[in-house]
Amino acid sequence: MEEGLKWYSGGMKYRKEVHITTTGNQCILDLGEVACTATVYINGKEAGTKLIPPYRFDITDLIRPGENNVEVVVYNTAANHYLSIPTKYRGDTTSGLLGPVKIIIYNN
């Protein structure tokens, strides 16, 4: 790990191209576990932001058959930064998109 990254507090963008064969009646993107906040973009359009679990997003109107660009921007807390300075504040330094991530397609 880069030495400076262990104290990094801020955001990280995760990006994946996903091939979908069918979209069904409802499509849900379930990020699983996230530490701490997540904003989702599907094909360049915002699907929403979640601050607490469950980190599930209805992407029915944004996803399409074929190739889809899925982006997740995750911001952690200041806990990592607090390790680099003298302070009484401490917290859990777990951060990122921990998953498992899945797209659930419902066909009613």
C-alpha atoms as a PDB file:
ATOM      1  CA  MET A   1       0.000   0.000   0.000  1.00  0.00           C
ATOM      2  CA  GLU A   2       1.203   3.505  -0.752  1.00  0.00           C
ATOM      3  CA  GLU A   3       2.268   5.053   2.562  1.00  0.00           C
ATOM      4  CA  GLY A   4      -0.014   8.099   2.199  1.00  0.00           C
ATOM      5  CA  LEU A   5      -3.116   6.026   1.371  1.00  0.00           C
ATOM      6  CA  LYS A   6      -3.452   4.528   4.841  1.00  0.00           C
ATOM      7  CA  TRP A   7      -4.449   8.011   6.083  1.00  0.00           C
ATOM      8  CA  TYR A   8      -6.600   8.891   3.056  1.00  0.00           C
ATOM      9  CA  SER A   9     -10.068  10.193   3.830  1.00  0.00           C
ATOM     10  CA  GLY A  10     -12.170  10.984   0.789  1.00  0.00           C
ATOM     11  CA  GLY A  11     -13.776   9.349  -2.214  1.00  0.00           C
ATOM     12  CA  MET A  12     -13.021   6.501  -4.584  1.00  0.00           C
ATOM     13  CA  LYS A  13     -14.734   5.711  -7.886  1.00  0.00           C
ATOM     14  CA  TYR A  14     -15.395   2.110  -8.894  1.00  0.00           C
ATOM     15  CA  ARG A  15     -16.329   1.506 -12.537  1.00  0.00           C
ATOM     16  CA  LYS A  16     -17.409  -1.626 -14.411  1.00  0.00           C
ATOM     17  CA  GLU A  17     -18.904  -2.359 -17.811  1.00  0.00           C
ATOM     18  CA  VAL A  18     -21.715  -4.877 -17.384  1.00  0.00           C
ATOM     19  CA  HIS A  19     -23.447  -6.815 -20.158  1.00  0.00           C
ATOM     20  CA  ILE A  20     -27.171  -7.338 -19.501  1.00  0.00           C
ATOM     21  CA  THR A  21     -29.173  -9.733 -21.682  1.00  0.00           C
ATOM     22  CA  THR A  22     -32.615  -8.805 -20.321  1.00  0.00           C
ATOM     23  CA  THR A  23     -33.868  -6.083 -18.015  1.00  0.00           C
ATOM     24  CA  GLY A  24     -37.093  -7.630 -16.684  1.00  0.00           C
ATOM     25  CA  ASN A  25     -39.777  -5.692 -14.807  1.00  0.00           C
ATOM     26  CA  GLN A  26     -37.498  -4.415 -12.061  1.00  0.00           C
ATOM     27  CA  CYS A  27     -33.694  -4.209 -11.741  1.00  0.00           C
ATOM     28  CA  ILE A  28     -32.004  -3.648  -8.396  1.00  0.00           C
ATOM     29  CA  LEU A  29     -28.308  -2.957  -7.873  1.00  0.00           C
ATOM     30  CA  ASP A  30     -27.327  -4.332  -4.463  1.00  0.00           C
ATOM     31  CA  LEU A  31     -23.882  -3.122  -3.336  1.00  0.00           C
ATOM     32  CA  GLY A  32     -23.765  -5.386  -0.285  1.00  0.00           C
ATOM     33  CA  GLU A  33     -21.582  -3.786   2.374  1.00  0.00           C
ATOM     34  CA  VAL A  34     -20.306  -0.228   1.930  1.00  0.00           C
ATOM     35  CA  ALA A  35     -18.237   1.903   4.273  1.00  0.00           C
ATOM     36  CA  CYS A  36     -19.467   4.683   4.366  1.00  0.00           C
ATOM     37  CA  THR A  37     -21.592   6.472   1.667  1.00  0.00           C
ATOM     38  CA  ALA A  38     -22.286   5.469  -1.944  1.00  0.00           C
ATOM     39  CA  THR A  39     -23.567   7.297  -5.006  1.00  0.00           C
ATOM     40  CA  VAL A  40     -24.447   5.178  -8.059  1.00  0.00           C
ATOM     41  CA  TYR A  41     -24.425   6.198 -11.723  1.00  0.00           C
ATOM     42  CA  ILE A  42     -25.762   3.972 -14.474  1.00  0.00           C
ATOM     43  CA  ASN A  43     -24.831   4.977 -18.025  1.00  0.00           C
ATOM     44  CA  GLY A  44     -23.937   8.444 -16.771  1.00  0.00           C
ATOM     45  CA  LYS A  45     -27.225   9.060 -14.930  1.00  0.00           C
ATOM     46  CA  GLU A  46     -27.455   9.218 -11.154  1.00  0.00           C
ATOM     47  CA  ALA A  47     -29.421   6.397  -9.532  1.00  0.00           C
ATOM     48  CA  GLY A  48     -29.131   7.852  -6.015  1.00  0.00           C
ATOM     49  CA  THR A  49     -27.065   8.169  -2.871  1.00  0.00           C
ATOM     50  CA  LYS A  50     -27.233   6.012   0.251  1.00  0.00           C
ATOM     51  CA  LEU A  51     -25.777   6.927   3.629  1.00  0.00           C
ATOM     52  CA  ILE A  52     -26.823   3.800   5.515  1.00  0.00           C
ATOM     53  CA  PRO A  53     -27.692   0.199   4.622  1.00  0.00           C
ATOM     54  CA  PRO A  54     -29.309  -1.340   2.763  1.00  0.00           C
ATOM     55  CA  TYR A  55     -27.232  -0.105  -0.181  1.00  0.00           C
ATOM     56  CA  ARG A  56     -29.802  -1.079  -2.827  1.00  0.00           C
ATOM     57  CA  PHE A  57     -30.711   1.060  -5.822  1.00  0.00           C
ATOM     58  CA  ASP A  58     -33.628   0.685  -8.237  1.00  0.00           C
ATOM     59  CA  ILE A  59     -31.947   0.969 -11.642  1.00  0.00           C
ATOM     60  CA  THR A  60     -34.909  -0.233 -13.732  1.00  0.00           C
ATOM     61  CA  ASP A  61     -35.229   2.979 -15.744  1.00  0.00           C
ATOM     62  CA  LEU A  62     -31.457   3.382 -16.234  1.00  0.00           C
ATOM     63  CA  ILE A  63     -30.265  -0.066 -17.295  1.00  0.00           C
ATOM     64  CA  ARG A  64     -30.668  -1.392 -20.847  1.00  0.00           C
ATOM     65  CA  PRO A  65     -30.028  -4.650 -22.683  1.00  0.00           C
ATOM     66  CA  GLY A  66     -26.413  -4.779 -23.872  1.00  0.00           C
ATOM     67  CA  GLU A  67     -23.417  -2.929 -22.421  1.00  0.00           C
ATOM     68  CA  ASN A  68     -23.954  -0.711 -19.365  1.00  0.00           C
ATOM     69  CA  ASN A  69     -21.528   1.507 -17.498  1.00  0.00           C
ATOM     70  CA  VAL A  70     -21.905   1.154 -13.721  1.00  0.00           C
ATOM     71  CA  GLU A  71     -20.070   3.661 -11.511  1.00  0.00           C
ATOM     72  CA  VAL A  72     -20.093   3.741  -7.715  1.00  0.00           C
ATOM     73  CA  VAL A  73     -18.505   6.620  -5.811  1.00  0.00           C
ATOM     74  CA  VAL A  74     -17.782   5.734  -2.174  1.00  0.00           C
ATOM     75  CA  TYR A  75     -16.700   8.213   0.498  1.00  0.00           C
ATOM     76  CA  ASN A  76     -15.224   7.049   3.776  1.00  0.00           C
ATOM     77  CA  THR A  77     -15.106   8.877   7.097  1.00  0.00           C
ATOM     78  CA  ALA A  78     -12.292  10.969   8.573  1.00  0.00           C
ATOM     79  CA  ALA A  79     -11.159   8.023  10.742  1.00  0.00           C
ATOM     80  CA  ASN A  80      -8.131   7.307   8.522  1.00  0.00           C
ATOM     81  CA  HIS A  81      -7.019  10.937   8.677  1.00  0.00           C
ATOM     82  CA  TYR A  82      -7.273  10.937  12.476  1.00  0.00           C
ATOM     83  CA  LEU A  83      -4.582   8.226  12.605  1.00  0.00           C
ATOM     84  CA  SER A  84      -2.079  10.744  11.204  1.00  0.00           C
ATOM     85  CA  ILE A  85      -2.546  13.450  13.840  1.00  0.00           C
ATOM     86  CA  PRO A  86      -2.724  13.641  17.624  1.00  0.00           C
ATOM     87  CA  THR A  87      -6.436  13.629  18.462  1.00  0.00           C
ATOM     88  CA  LYS A  88      -8.936  12.115  20.845  1.00  0.00           C
ATOM     89  CA  TYR A  89     -11.163  11.131  17.905  1.00  0.00           C
ATOM     90  CA  ARG A  90     -10.871   7.599  16.619  1.00  0.00           C
ATOM     91  CA  GLY A  91     -13.119   5.395  14.574  1.00  0.00           C
ATOM     92  CA  ASP A  92     -13.351   2.358  12.360  1.00  0.00           C
ATOM     93  CA  THR A  93     -10.966   2.721   9.411  1.00  0.00           C
ATOM     94  CA  THR A  94     -12.725   0.127   7.262  1.00  0.00           C
ATOM     95  CA  SER A  95     -13.721   1.837   4.032  1.00  0.00           C
ATOM     96  CA  GLY A  96     -14.719   1.178   0.437  1.00  0.00           C
ATOM     97  CA  LEU A  97     -17.057  -0.979  -1.584  1.00  0.00           C
ATOM     98  CA  LEU A  98     -16.870  -4.279   0.296  1.00  0.00           C
ATOM     99  CA  GLY A  99     -19.710  -6.099  -1.510  1.00  0.00           C
ATOM    100  CA  PRO A 100     -20.706  -8.540  -2.670  1.00  0.00           C
ATOM    101  CA  VAL A 101     -22.183  -6.507  -5.541  1.00  0.00           C
ATOM    102  CA  LYS A 102     -24.983  -7.944  -7.628  1.00  0.00           C
ATOM    103  CA  ILE A 103     -27.707  -6.919 -10.045  1.00  0.00           C
ATOM    104  CA  ILE A 104     -31.032  -8.557  -9.295  1.00  0.00           C
ATOM    105  CA  ILE A 105     -33.538  -8.782 -12.160  1.00  0.00           C
ATOM    106  CA  TYR A 106     -37.169  -9.470 -11.302  1.00  0.00           C
ATOM    107  CA  ASN A 107     -39.595 -10.804 -13.911  1.00  0.00           C
ATOM    108  CA  ASN A 108     -43.137 -10.530 -12.541  1.00  0.00           C
END
